[in-house]
PDB file of N, CA and C in Angstrom:
ATOM      1  N   MET A   1       0.667  -1.526  -0.374  1.00  0.00           N
ATOM      2  CA  MET A   1      -0.164  -0.039  -0.049  1.00  0.00           C
ATOM      3  C   MET A   1       1.193   1.643   0.206  1.00  0.00           C
ATOM      4  N   ALA A   2       0.267   1.887  -0.576  1.00  0.00           N
ATOM      5  CA  ALA A   2       0.881   3.661  -0.563  1.00  0.00           C
ATOM      6  C   ALA A   2       0.810   4.329   0.609  1.00  0.00           C
ATOM      7  N   ASN A   3       2.126   5.154   1.040  1.00  0.00           N
ATOM      8  CA  ASN A   3       1.679   5.458   2.290  1.00  0.00           C
ATOM      9  C   ASN A   3       0.582   6.353   2.532  1.00  0.00           C
ATOM     10  N   ILE A   4      -0.146   5.806   3.518  1.00  0.00           N
ATOM     11  CA  ILE A   4      -0.928   7.048   3.781  1.00  0.00           C
ATOM     12  C   ILE A   4      -1.002   7.739   4.995  1.00  0.00           C
ATOM     13  N   ARG A   5      -1.817   8.307   4.964  1.00  0.00           N
ATOM     14  CA  ARG A   5      -1.910   9.689   6.328  1.00  0.00           C
ATOM     15  C   ARG A   5      -3.146   8.567   7.103  1.00  0.00           C
ATOM     16  N   GLU A   6      -2.660   8.814   8.563  1.00  0.00           N
ATOM     17  CA  GLU A   6      -3.655   8.204   9.361  1.00  0.00           C
ATOM     18  C   GLU A   6      -3.560   9.228  10.378  1.00  0.00           C
ATOM     19  N   ILE A   7      -4.563   8.606  11.116  1.00  0.00           N
ATOM     20  CA  ILE A   7      -5.100   9.220  12.664  1.00  0.00           C
ATOM     21  C   ILE A   7      -5.974   8.263  13.705  1.00  0.00           C
ATOM     22  N   ASP A   8      -5.729   8.600  14.819  1.00  0.00           N
ATOM     23  CA  ASP A   8      -5.789   7.887  15.551  1.00  0.00           C
ATOM     24  C   ASP A   8      -7.276   8.668  16.296  1.00  0.00           C
ATOM     25  N   ILE A   9      -7.921   7.595  17.298  1.00  0.00           N
ATOM     26  CA  ILE A   9      -8.987   7.873  17.538  1.00  0.00           C
ATOM     27  C   ILE A   9      -9.328   9.242  18.363  1.00  0.00           C
ATOM     28  N   HIS A  10      -8.144   9.518  19.346  1.00  0.00           N
ATOM     29  CA  HIS A  10      -8.184  10.756  20.271  1.00  0.00           C
ATOM     30  C   HIS A  10      -7.855  11.728  19.462  1.00  0.00           C
ATOM     31  N   SER A  11      -7.110  11.565  18.305  1.00  0.00           N
ATOM     32  CA  SER A  11      -6.454  12.941  17.813  1.00  0.00           C
ATOM     33  C   SER A  11      -8.250  13.581  17.045  1.00  0.00           C
ATOM     34  N   LEU A  12      -8.806  12.578  16.575  1.00  0.00           N
ATOM     35  CA  LEU A  12     -10.003  12.611  15.516  1.00  0.00           C
ATOM     36  C   LEU A  12     -10.854  13.173  16.547  1.00  0.00           C
ATOM     37  N   ASP A  13     -11.206  12.397  17.815  1.00  0.00           N
ATOM     38  CA  ASP A  13     -12.227  13.581  18.364  1.00  0.00           C
ATOM     39  C   ASP A  13     -11.469  15.010  19.129  1.00  0.00           C
ATOM     40  N   SER A  14     -10.309  14.687  19.090  1.00  0.00           N
ATOM     41  CA  SER A  14      -9.523  16.503  19.604  1.00  0.00           C
ATOM     42  C   SER A  14     -10.384  17.454  18.505  1.00  0.00           C
ATOM     43  N   MET A  15     -10.150  16.768  17.415  1.00  0.00           N
ATOM     44  CA  MET A  15     -10.248  17.524  16.055  1.00  0.00           C
ATOM     45  C   MET A  15     -11.600  18.109  15.685  1.00  0.00           C
ATOM     46  N   MET A  16     -12.739  17.237  15.819  1.00  0.00           N
ATOM     47  CA  MET A  16     -14.297  16.907  16.234  1.00  0.00           C
ATOM     48  C   MET A  16     -14.537  17.980  17.088  1.00  0.00           C
ATOM     49  N   ASN A  17     -14.127  18.032  18.252  1.00  0.00           N
ATOM     50  CA  ASN A  17     -14.633  18.938  19.674  1.00  0.00           C
ATOM     51  C   ASN A  17     -13.603  20.239  18.775  1.00  0.00           C
ATOM     52  N   ALA A  18     -12.868  20.336  18.231  1.00  0.00           N
ATOM     53  CA  ALA A  18     -12.478  21.794  18.111  1.00  0.00           C
ATOM     54  C   ALA A  18     -12.977  22.581  17.139  1.00  0.00           C
ATOM     55  N   ALA A  19     -13.655  21.812  16.144  1.00  0.00           N
ATOM     56  CA  ALA A  19     -14.285  21.860  15.068  1.00  0.00           C
ATOM     57  C   ALA A  19     -13.445  22.313  14.066  1.00  0.00           C
ATOM     58  N   ASP A  20     -12.514  21.533  13.808  1.00  0.00           N
ATOM     59  CA  ASP A  20     -11.609  21.565  12.792  1.00  0.00           C
ATOM     60  C   ASP A  20     -12.541  21.159  11.470  1.00  0.00           C
ATOM     61  N   ASN A  21     -12.314  21.956  10.617  1.00  0.00           N
ATOM     62  CA  ASN A  21     -12.767  21.818   9.238  1.00  0.00           C
ATOM     63  C   ASN A  21     -12.103  20.337   8.412  1.00  0.00           C
ATOM     64  N   ILE A  22     -13.232  19.360   8.904  1.00  0.00           N
ATOM     65  CA  ILE A  22     -12.802  17.975   8.410  1.00  0.00           C
ATOM     66  C   ILE A  22     -14.166  17.593   8.002  1.00  0.00           C
ATOM     67  N   ILE A  23     -14.034  16.240   7.131  1.00  0.00           N
ATOM     68  CA  ILE A  23     -15.112  15.839   6.350  1.00  0.00           C
ATOM     69  C   ILE A  23     -15.028  14.237   6.962  1.00  0.00           C
ATOM     70  N   LEU A  24     -15.483  13.645   7.501  1.00  0.00           N
ATOM     71  CA  LEU A  24     -15.994  12.482   8.070  1.00  0.00           C
ATOM     72  C   LEU A  24     -16.290  11.310   7.355  1.00  0.00           C
ATOM     73  N   VAL A  25     -16.402  10.188   6.797  1.00  0.00           N
ATOM     74  CA  VAL A  25     -16.678   9.513   5.607  1.00  0.00           C
ATOM     75  C   VAL A  25     -16.898   7.829   6.330  1.00  0.00           C
ATOM     76  N   ASP A  26     -18.006   7.401   6.351  1.00  0.00           N
ATOM     77  CA  ASP A  26     -18.356   5.960   6.877  1.00  0.00           C
ATOM     78  C   ASP A  26     -18.353   5.742   5.891  1.00  0.00           C
ATOM     79  N   ILE A  27     -17.603   4.435   5.411  1.00  0.00           N
ATOM     80  CA  ILE A  27     -17.568   3.600   3.961  1.00  0.00           C
ATOM     81  C   ILE A  27     -18.264   2.875   4.190  1.00  0.00           C
ATOM     82  N   ARG A  28     -18.625   1.697   5.787  1.00  0.00           N
ATOM     83  CA  ARG A  28     -19.269   0.767   5.357  1.00  0.00           C
ATOM     84  C   ARG A  28     -20.569   0.418   5.120  1.00  0.00           C
ATOM     85  N   MET A  29     -21.169  -1.234   4.730  1.00  0.00           N
ATOM     86  CA  MET A  29     -22.277  -1.008   4.174  1.00  0.00           C
ATOM     87  C   MET A  29     -23.559  -0.865   4.952  1.00  0.00           C
ATOM     88  N   GLU A  30     -24.675  -0.597   4.741  1.00  0.00           N
ATOM     89  CA  GLU A  30     -25.928  -0.331   5.526  1.00  0.00           C
ATOM     90  C   GLU A  30     -26.011  -0.986   6.334  1.00  0.00           C
ATOM     91  N   GLN A  31     -25.593  -2.460   6.350  1.00  0.00           N
ATOM     92  CA  GLN A  31     -26.347  -3.578   7.614  1.00  0.00           C
ATOM     93  C   GLN A  31     -25.219  -3.558   8.634  1.00  0.00           C
ATOM     94  N   GLU A  32     -23.736  -2.905   8.829  1.00  0.00           N
ATOM     95  CA  GLU A  32     -23.267  -2.716   9.519  1.00  0.00           C
ATOM     96  C   GLU A  32     -23.202  -1.287  10.603  1.00  0.00           C
ATOM     97  N   LEU A  33     -23.790  -0.631   9.753  1.00  0.00           N
ATOM     98  CA  LEU A  33     -24.352   0.987  10.797  1.00  0.00           C
ATOM     99  C   LEU A  33     -25.272   0.365  11.362  1.00  0.00           C
ATOM    100  N   ARG A  34     -26.454  -0.608  10.742  1.00  0.00           N
ATOM    101  CA  ARG A  34     -27.120  -0.954  11.813  1.00  0.00           C
ATOM    102  C   ARG A  34     -26.613  -1.668  13.233  1.00  0.00           C
ATOM    103  N   GLU A  35     -25.705  -2.194  13.386  1.00  0.00           N
ATOM    104  CA  GLU A  35     -25.338  -2.881  14.119  1.00  0.00           C
ATOM    105  C   GLU A  35     -24.292  -2.429  15.049  1.00  0.00           C
ATOM    106  N   THR A  36     -23.707  -1.288  14.527  1.00  0.00           N
ATOM    107  CA  THR A  36     -22.896  -0.044  15.783  1.00  0.00           C
ATOM    108  C   THR A  36     -23.531   1.240  15.864  1.00  0.00           C
ATOM    109  N   GLY A  37     -23.707   1.786  14.447  1.00  0.00           N
ATOM    110  CA  GLY A  37     -24.182   2.690  14.227  1.00  0.00           C
ATOM    111  C   GLY A  37     -23.012   3.614  14.025  1.00  0.00           C
ATOM    112  N   ILE A  38     -22.831   4.929  13.933  1.00  0.00           N
ATOM    113  CA  ILE A  38     -22.047   5.854  12.497  1.00  0.00           C
ATOM    114  C   ILE A  38     -21.520   6.942  13.911  1.00  0.00           C
ATOM    115  N   ILE A  39     -20.787   7.285  13.668  1.00  0.00           N
ATOM    116  CA  ILE A  39     -19.730   8.636  14.276  1.00  0.00           C
ATOM    117  C   ILE A  39     -20.506   9.897  14.109  1.00  0.00           C
ATOM    118  N   PRO A  40     -21.015  10.330  15.101  1.00  0.00           N
ATOM    119  CA  PRO A  40     -21.662  11.330  14.899  1.00  0.00           C
ATOM    120  C   PRO A  40     -21.164  12.731  14.480  1.00  0.00           C
ATOM    121  N   GLY A  41     -22.300  12.962  13.071  1.00  0.00           N
ATOM    122  CA  GLY A  41     -21.272  14.029  12.004  1.00  0.00           C
ATOM    123  C   GLY A  41     -20.637  13.337  10.703  1.00  0.00           C
ATOM    124  N   ALA A  42     -20.496  12.045  10.869  1.00  0.00           N
ATOM    125  CA  ALA A  42     -19.955  11.129   9.942  1.00  0.00           C
ATOM    126  C   ALA A  42     -21.511  11.197   8.745  1.00  0.00           C
ATOM    127  N   ILE A  43     -20.913  11.714   7.606  1.00  0.00           N
ATOM    128  CA  ILE A  43     -21.516  11.284   6.287  1.00  0.00           C
ATOM    129  C   ILE A  43     -21.362   9.366   5.808  1.00  0.00           C
ATOM    130  N   HIS A  44     -22.395   9.072   5.531  1.00  0.00           N
ATOM    131  CA  HIS A  44     -22.359   7.258   4.855  1.00  0.00           C
ATOM    132  C   HIS A  44     -21.969   7.138   3.258  1.00  0.00           C
ATOM    133  N   ILE A  45     -21.480   6.377   2.520  1.00  0.00           N
ATOM    134  CA  ILE A  45     -20.834   6.834   1.686  1.00  0.00           C
ATOM    135  C   ILE A  45     -20.580   5.372   1.857  1.00  0.00           C
ATOM    136  N   PRO A  46     -21.355   4.108   1.449  1.00  0.00           N
ATOM    137  CA  PRO A  46     -21.118   2.946   1.080  1.00  0.00           C
ATOM    138  C   PRO A  46     -19.662   2.666   0.145  1.00  0.00           C
ATOM    139  N   ILE A  47     -18.713   2.117   0.641  1.00  0.00           N
ATOM    140  CA  ILE A  47     -17.250   1.781  -0.511  1.00  0.00           C
ATOM    141  C   ILE A  47     -17.785   1.515  -1.725  1.00  0.00           C
ATOM    142  N   HIS A  48     -19.160   0.672  -2.348  1.00  0.00           N
ATOM    143  CA  HIS A  48     -19.145   0.334  -3.826  1.00  0.00           C
ATOM    144  C   HIS A  48     -19.785   1.875  -3.981  1.00  0.00           C
ATOM    145  N   GLU A  49     -19.926   2.842  -3.883  1.00  0.00           N
ATOM    146  CA  GLU A  49     -20.746   4.098  -4.228  1.00  0.00           C
ATOM    147  C   GLU A  49     -19.512   5.325  -4.027  1.00  0.00           C
ATOM    148  N   LEU A  50     -18.496   4.925  -3.499  1.00  0.00           N
ATOM    149  CA  LEU A  50     -17.492   6.111  -3.553  1.00  0.00           C
ATOM    150  C   LEU A  50     -16.942   6.780  -5.249  1.00  0.00           C
ATOM    151  N   GLY A  51     -17.208   5.887  -5.521  1.00  0.00           N
ATOM    152  CA  GLY A  51     -16.413   6.399  -7.535  1.00  0.00           C
ATOM    153  C   GLY A  51     -17.453   7.527  -7.860  1.00  0.00           C
ATOM    154  N   HIS A  52     -18.516   6.825  -7.128  1.00  0.00           N
ATOM    155  CA  HIS A  52     -19.588   8.052  -7.980  1.00  0.00           C
ATOM    156  C   HIS A  52     -19.245   9.576  -7.421  1.00  0.00           C
ATOM    157  N   LYS A  53     -18.926   9.586  -6.293  1.00  0.00           N
ATOM    158  CA  LYS A  53     -19.051  10.831  -5.344  1.00  0.00           C
ATOM    159  C   LYS A  53     -17.438  11.067  -4.988  1.00  0.00           C
ATOM    160  N   LEU A  54     -16.432  10.618  -5.356  1.00  0.00           N
ATOM    161  CA  LEU A  54     -15.049  10.978  -4.577  1.00  0.00           C
ATOM    162  C   LEU A  54     -14.900  12.354  -5.376  1.00  0.00           C
ATOM    163  N   HIS A  55     -15.184  12.513  -6.739  1.00  0.00           N
ATOM    164  CA  HIS A  55     -14.702  13.691  -7.702  1.00  0.00           C
ATOM    165  C   HIS A  55     -15.097  15.209  -6.495  1.00  0.00           C
ATOM    166  N   THR A  56     -16.162  15.075  -6.002  1.00  0.00           N
ATOM    167  CA  THR A  56     -16.945  16.312  -5.129  1.00  0.00           C
ATOM    168  C   THR A  56     -16.376  16.241  -4.115  1.00  0.00           C
ATOM    169  N   LEU A  57     -16.399  14.907  -3.349  1.00  0.00           N
ATOM    170  CA  LEU A  57     -15.903  14.580  -1.897  1.00  0.00           C
ATOM    171  C   LEU A  57     -14.446  15.170  -1.763  1.00  0.00           C
ATOM    172  N   MET A  58     -13.088  14.992  -2.559  1.00  0.00           N
ATOM    173  CA  MET A  58     -12.146  15.040  -2.540  1.00  0.00           C
ATOM    174  C   MET A  58     -11.886  16.730  -3.278  1.00  0.00           C
ATOM    175  N   ASN A  59     -12.572  17.262  -4.117  1.00  0.00           N
ATOM    176  CA  ASN A  59     -11.883  18.561  -4.245  1.00  0.00           C
ATOM    177  C   ASN A  59     -12.376  19.422  -3.267  1.00  0.00           C
ATOM    178  N   ASP A  60     -12.859  19.472  -2.186  1.00  0.00           N
ATOM    179  CA  ASP A  60     -13.066  19.724  -1.233  1.00  0.00           C
ATOM    180  C   ASP A  60     -11.548  20.324  -0.673  1.00  0.00           C
ATOM    181  N   ASP A  61     -11.594  21.354   0.193  1.00  0.00           N
ATOM    182  CA  ASP A  61     -10.356  22.147   0.800  1.00  0.00           C
ATOM    183  C   ASP A  61      -9.854  21.368   2.027  1.00  0.00           C
ATOM    184  N   ARG A  62     -11.026  20.832   2.524  1.00  0.00           N
ATOM    185  CA  ARG A  62     -11.267  19.790   3.704  1.00  0.00           C
ATOM    186  C   ARG A  62     -10.609  18.636   3.940  1.00  0.00           C
ATOM    187  N   GLU A  63      -9.917  18.355   5.055  1.00  0.00           N
ATOM    188  CA  GLU A  63      -9.338  16.679   4.905  1.00  0.00           C
ATOM    189  C   GLU A  63     -10.333  15.666   5.318  1.00  0.00           C
ATOM    190  N   VAL A  64     -10.518  14.902   4.444  1.00  0.00           N
ATOM    191  CA  VAL A  64     -11.655  13.961   4.769  1.00  0.00           C
ATOM    192  C   VAL A  64     -10.840  12.721   5.004  1.00  0.00           C
ATOM    193  N   VAL A  65     -11.493  12.304   6.176  1.00  0.00           N
ATOM    194  CA  VAL A  65     -11.127  11.385   7.329  1.00  0.00           C
ATOM    195  C   VAL A  65     -12.153   9.916   6.441  1.00  0.00           C
ATOM    196  N   PHE A  66     -11.883   8.762   5.967  1.00  0.00           N
ATOM    197  CA  PHE A  66     -12.075   7.679   5.756  1.00  0.00           C
ATOM    198  C   PHE A  66     -12.437   6.426   6.859  1.00  0.00           C
ATOM    199  N   TYR A  67     -13.790   5.792   7.415  1.00  0.00           N
ATOM    200  CA  TYR A  67     -13.474   4.827   8.215  1.00  0.00           C
ATOM    201  C   TYR A  67     -14.019   3.931   7.847  1.00  0.00           C
ATOM    202  N   CYS A  68     -14.082   2.362   8.195  1.00  0.00           N
ATOM    203  CA  CYS A  68     -14.901   1.241   8.204  1.00  0.00           C
ATOM    204  C   CYS A  68     -14.770   0.598   9.922  1.00  0.00           C
ATOM    205  N   ARG A  69     -14.998  -0.658   9.443  1.00  0.00           N
ATOM    206  CA  ARG A  69     -15.243  -1.735  10.404  1.00  0.00           C
ATOM    207  C   ARG A  69     -13.968  -1.215  11.563  1.00  0.00           C
ATOM    208  N   SER A  70     -12.701  -1.812  10.882  1.00  0.00           N
ATOM    209  CA  SER A  70     -11.465  -1.968  11.305  1.00  0.00           C
ATOM    210  C   SER A  70     -10.163  -1.399  10.787  1.00  0.00           C
ATOM    211  N   GLY A  71     -10.650  -0.572   9.383  1.00  0.00           N
ATOM    212  CA  GLY A  71      -9.387   0.139   9.250  1.00  0.00           C
ATOM    213  C   GLY A  71      -9.081  -0.193   8.526  1.00  0.00           C
ATOM    214  N   MET A  72      -9.013  -1.801   7.503  1.00  0.00           N
ATOM    215  CA  MET A  72      -8.455  -2.160   6.761  1.00  0.00           C
ATOM    216  C   MET A  72      -9.112  -1.537   5.120  1.00  0.00           C
ATOM    217  N   ARG A  73     -10.514  -1.262   4.681  1.00  0.00           N
ATOM    218  CA  ARG A  73     -10.969  -0.898   3.511  1.00  0.00           C
ATOM    219  C   ARG A  73     -11.116   0.523   3.440  1.00  0.00           C
ATOM    220  N   SER A  74     -10.897   1.365   4.780  1.00  0.00           N
ATOM    221  CA  SER A  74     -10.287   2.684   4.306  1.00  0.00           C
ATOM    222  C   SER A  74      -8.959   2.853   4.322  1.00  0.00           C
ATOM    223  N   ALA A  75      -8.089   1.899   4.470  1.00  0.00           N
ATOM    224  CA  ALA A  75      -6.915   2.124   4.582  1.00  0.00           C
ATOM    225  C   ALA A  75      -6.438   2.273   3.181  1.00  0.00           C
ATOM    226  N   HIS A  76      -7.609   1.196   2.463  1.00  0.00           N
ATOM    227  CA  HIS A  76      -7.220   0.451   0.898  1.00  0.00           C
ATOM    228  C   HIS A  76      -7.726   1.839   0.169  1.00  0.00           C
ATOM    229  N   VAL A  77      -9.107   2.552   1.112  1.00  0.00           N
ATOM    230  CA  VAL A  77      -9.277   3.212   0.082  1.00  0.00           C
ATOM    231  C   VAL A  77      -8.253   4.676   0.145  1.00  0.00           C
ATOM    232  N   CYS A  78      -7.765   5.104   0.727  1.00  0.00           N
ATOM    233  CA  CYS A  78      -6.835   5.796   1.408  1.00  0.00           C
ATOM    234  C   CYS A  78      -5.546   5.829   0.522  1.00  0.00           C
ATOM    235  N   SER A  79      -5.267   4.781   0.328  1.00  0.00           N
ATOM    236  CA  SER A  79      -3.791   4.345  -0.615  1.00  0.00           C
ATOM    237  C   SER A  79      -4.249   4.729  -1.834  1.00  0.00           C
ATOM    238  N   VAL A  80      -5.161   3.956  -2.477  1.00  0.00           N
ATOM    239  CA  VAL A  80      -5.908   4.256  -3.841  1.00  0.00           C
ATOM    240  C   VAL A  80      -5.882   5.776  -4.018  1.00  0.00           C
ATOM    241  N   LEU A  81      -6.500   6.401  -3.286  1.00  0.00           N
ATOM    242  CA  LEU A  81      -6.221   7.621  -3.159  1.00  0.00           C
ATOM    243  C   LEU A  81      -5.078   8.205  -3.831  1.00  0.00           C
ATOM    244  N   ALA A  82      -4.119   8.114  -2.536  1.00  0.00           N
ATOM    245  CA  ALA A  82      -2.706   8.987  -2.422  1.00  0.00           C
ATOM    246  C   ALA A  82      -1.737   8.399  -3.928  1.00  0.00           C
ATOM    247  N   MET A  83      -2.254   6.756  -4.211  1.00  0.00           N
ATOM    248  CA  MET A  83      -1.632   6.547  -5.670  1.00  0.00           C
ATOM    249  C   MET A  83      -2.216   7.728  -6.752  1.00  0.00           C
ATOM    250  N   ASN A  84      -3.161   8.282  -6.539  1.00  0.00           N
ATOM    251  CA  ASN A  84      -3.864   8.671  -7.608  1.00  0.00           C
ATOM    252  C   ASN A  84      -4.108  10.561  -7.449  1.00  0.00           C
ATOM    253  N   GLY A  85      -2.504  10.554  -6.496  1.00  0.00           N
ATOM    254  CA  GLY A  85      -2.448  12.073  -6.194  1.00  0.00           C
ATOM    255  C   GLY A  85      -2.804  12.869  -5.168  1.00  0.00           C
ATOM    256  N   ILE A  86      -4.048  12.385  -4.452  1.00  0.00           N
ATOM    257  CA  ILE A  86      -4.992  12.983  -3.917  1.00  0.00           C
ATOM    258  C   ILE A  86      -4.255  12.929  -2.400  1.00  0.00           C
ATOM    259  N   ASN A  87      -4.206  13.884  -2.024  1.00  0.00           N
ATOM    260  CA  ASN A  87      -3.476  14.458  -0.713  1.00  0.00           C
ATOM    261  C   ASN A  87      -4.251  14.070   1.080  1.00  0.00           C
ATOM    262  N   ASN A  88      -5.601  14.614   0.522  1.00  0.00           N
ATOM    263  CA  ASN A  88      -6.507  15.173   1.804  1.00  0.00           C
ATOM    264  C   ASN A  88      -7.209  13.938   2.375  1.00  0.00           C
ATOM    265  N   ALA A  89      -6.832  12.660   1.538  1.00  0.00           N
ATOM    266  CA  ALA A  89      -7.474  11.676   2.119  1.00  0.00           C
ATOM    267  C   ALA A  89      -6.641  11.349   3.810  1.00  0.00           C
ATOM    268  N   ILE A  90      -7.512  10.945   4.864  1.00  0.00           N
ATOM    269  CA  ILE A  90      -7.380  10.203   6.247  1.00  0.00           C
ATOM    270  C   ILE A  90      -7.485   9.004   6.698  1.00  0.00           C
ATOM    271  N   ASN A  91      -6.704   8.312   7.018  1.00  0.00           N
ATOM    272  CA  ASN A  91      -7.440   6.531   7.538  1.00  0.00           C
ATOM    273  C   ASN A  91      -7.453   6.783   9.184  1.00  0.00           C
ATOM    274  N   LEU A  92      -8.794   6.138   9.702  1.00  0.00           N
ATOM    275  CA  LEU A  92      -9.124   6.016  10.764  1.00  0.00           C
ATOM    276  C   LEU A  92      -8.404   4.552  11.290  1.00  0.00           C
ATOM    277  N   LYS A  93      -7.304   4.756  11.720  1.00  0.00           N
ATOM    278  CA  LYS A  93      -6.760   3.513  12.892  1.00  0.00           C
ATOM    279  C   LYS A  93      -7.937   2.646  13.627  1.00  0.00           C
ATOM    280  N   GLY A  94      -7.732   1.832  13.240  1.00  0.00           N
ATOM    281  CA  GLY A  94      -8.443   0.924  14.239  1.00  0.00           C
ATOM    282  C   GLY A  94     -10.001   0.846  13.997  1.00  0.00           C
ATOM    283  N   GLY A  95     -10.832   2.073  12.876  1.00  0.00           N
ATOM    284  CA  GLY A  95     -11.925   1.948  12.761  1.00  0.00           C
ATOM    285  C   GLY A  95     -13.123   2.045  13.723  1.00  0.00           C
ATOM    286  N   ILE A  96     -14.297   2.308  13.160  1.00  0.00           N
ATOM    287  CA  ILE A  96     -15.296   1.790  14.431  1.00  0.00           C
ATOM    288  C   ILE A  96     -15.093   1.575  15.547  1.00  0.00           C
ATOM    289  N   ILE A  97     -14.702   0.001  15.409  1.00  0.00           N
ATOM    290  CA  ILE A  97     -14.242  -0.959  16.177  1.00  0.00           C
ATOM    291  C   ILE A  97     -13.508  -0.338  17.574  1.00  0.00           C
ATOM    292  N   GLU A  98     -11.808   0.308  16.954  1.00  0.00           N
ATOM    293  CA  GLU A  98     -10.717   0.879  18.108  1.00  0.00           C
ATOM    294  C   GLU A  98     -11.893   2.542  18.676  1.00  0.00           C
ATOM    295  N   TRP A  99     -12.847   3.067  18.035  1.00  0.00           N
ATOM    296  CA  TRP A  99     -13.527   4.440  18.186  1.00  0.00           C
ATOM    297  C   TRP A  99     -14.950   3.627  19.916  1.00  0.00           C
ATOM    298  N   ALA A 100     -15.638   2.865  19.203  1.00  0.00           N
ATOM    299  CA  ALA A 100     -16.242   2.161  20.301  1.00  0.00           C
ATOM    300  C   ALA A 100     -16.170   1.557  21.161  1.00  0.00           C
ATOM    301  N   ARG A 101     -14.607   0.808  21.208  1.00  0.00           N
ATOM    302  CA  ARG A 101     -13.884   0.291  22.344  1.00  0.00           C
ATOM    303  C   ARG A 101     -13.623   1.255  23.105  1.00  0.00           C
ATOM    304  N   HIS A 102     -13.397   2.340  23.187  1.00  0.00           N
ATOM    305  CA  HIS A 102     -12.726   3.690  23.981  1.00  0.00           C
ATOM    306  C   HIS A 102     -14.045   4.828  24.550  1.00  0.00           C
ATOM    307  N   ASN A 103     -15.603   4.075  23.982  1.00  0.00           N
ATOM    308  CA  ASN A 103     -16.877   4.569  24.638  1.00  0.00           C
ATOM    309  C   ASN A 103     -17.054   6.051  23.812  1.00  0.00           C
ATOM    310  N   LYS A 104     -16.302   6.503  22.416  1.00  0.00           N
ATOM    311  CA  LYS A 104     -16.404   7.564  22.175  1.00  0.00           C
ATOM    312  C   LYS A 104     -17.950   7.321  21.740  1.00  0.00           C
ATOM    313  N   PRO A 105     -19.046   8.405  21.332  1.00  0.00           N
ATOM    314  CA  PRO A 105     -19.752   8.596  20.751  1.00  0.00           C
ATOM    315  C   PRO A 105     -20.203   7.963  19.701  1.00  0.00           C
ATOM    316  N   LEU A 106     -21.202   7.310  19.853  1.00  0.00           N
ATOM    317  CA  LEU A 106     -22.220   6.612  18.419  1.00  0.00           C
ATOM    318  C   LEU A 106     -23.469   6.937  17.815  1.00  0.00           C
ATOM    319  N   SER A 107     -23.657   7.215  17.039  1.00  0.00           N
ATOM    320  CA  SER A 107     -25.601   7.428  16.789  1.00  0.00           C
ATOM    321  C   SER A 107     -25.922   7.021  15.649  1.00  0.00           C
ATOM    322  N   MET A 108     -27.217   6.728  15.670  1.00  0.00           N
ATOM    323  CA  MET A 108     -28.075   6.207  14.791  1.00  0.00           C
ATOM    324  C   MET A 108     -28.215   6.951  13.340  1.00  0.00           C
ATOM    325  N   PRO A 109     -27.694   6.590  12.319  1.00  0.00           N
ATOM    326  CA  PRO A 109     -28.201   7.565  11.032  1.00  0.00           C
ATOM    327  C   PRO A 109     -29.743   7.790  11.265  1.00  0.00           C
ATOM    328  N   ALA A 110     -30.282   8.886  10.976  1.00  0.00           N
ATOM    329  CA  ALA A 110     -32.083   8.641  10.700  1.00  0.00           C
ATOM    330  C   ALA A 110     -32.586   8.199   9.865  1.00  0.00           C
ATOM    331  N   ARG A 111     -31.854   7.815   9.064  1.00  0.00           N
ATOM    332  CA  ARG A 111     -32.734   6.502   8.262  1.00  0.00           C
ATOM    333  C   ARG A 111     -33.011   5.538   8.315  1.00  0.00           C
ATOM    334  N   LEU A 112     -31.999   4.888   9.305  1.00  0.00           N
ATOM    335  CA  LEU A 112     -31.719   3.281   9.470  1.00  0.00           C
ATOM    336  C   LEU A 112     -32.744   3.369  11.122  1.00  0.00           C
ATOM    337  N   ALA A 113     -33.136   4.703  11.986  1.00  0.00           N
ATOM    338  CA  ALA A 113     -33.665   4.368  12.858  1.00  0.00           C
ATOM    339  C   ALA A 113     -35.221   3.668  13.239  1.00  0.00           C
ATOM    340  N   SER A 114     -35.718   3.843  12.219  1.00  0.00           N
ATOM    341  CA  SER A 114     -36.844   3.245  12.289  1.00  0.00           C
ATOM    342  C   SER A 114     -36.547   1.447  11.452  1.00  0.00           C
TER     343      SER A 114
END
C-alpha cells in the first residue's frame, strides 16, 4: 500500500471537538451501520458508491477522514487515493471498532433509526 496518512481516535476526537474543518466518511455497508451506529457528524457513503462521489468529495479543501469497521477498507481507499495524487484523505486507525472500544459517541443515522 502507498504511504497513507492516518489518524488515531483520540486525535480525531480532538479535531471534532475543536470544530476543525474535516469531512468524516463512513464507508461501511448499511447492515454494518445497523449493528454499531455511526460516528456523529459522519456521512455515509458505502465503499461501492465512492467512485461516483469522490470527485465532489475530494475536490473540497478540507481533510477527509475515511473509516470502516477495522480500518482495513478505509486504508485501502486512502492508498488508492494517494497513488492518484489525492493528498487530503486520512484513514482512521482501528476504525469504528477502536472508536467504540474507547466509549466514544455513536449515533444511528436517521434513515436507519426506524
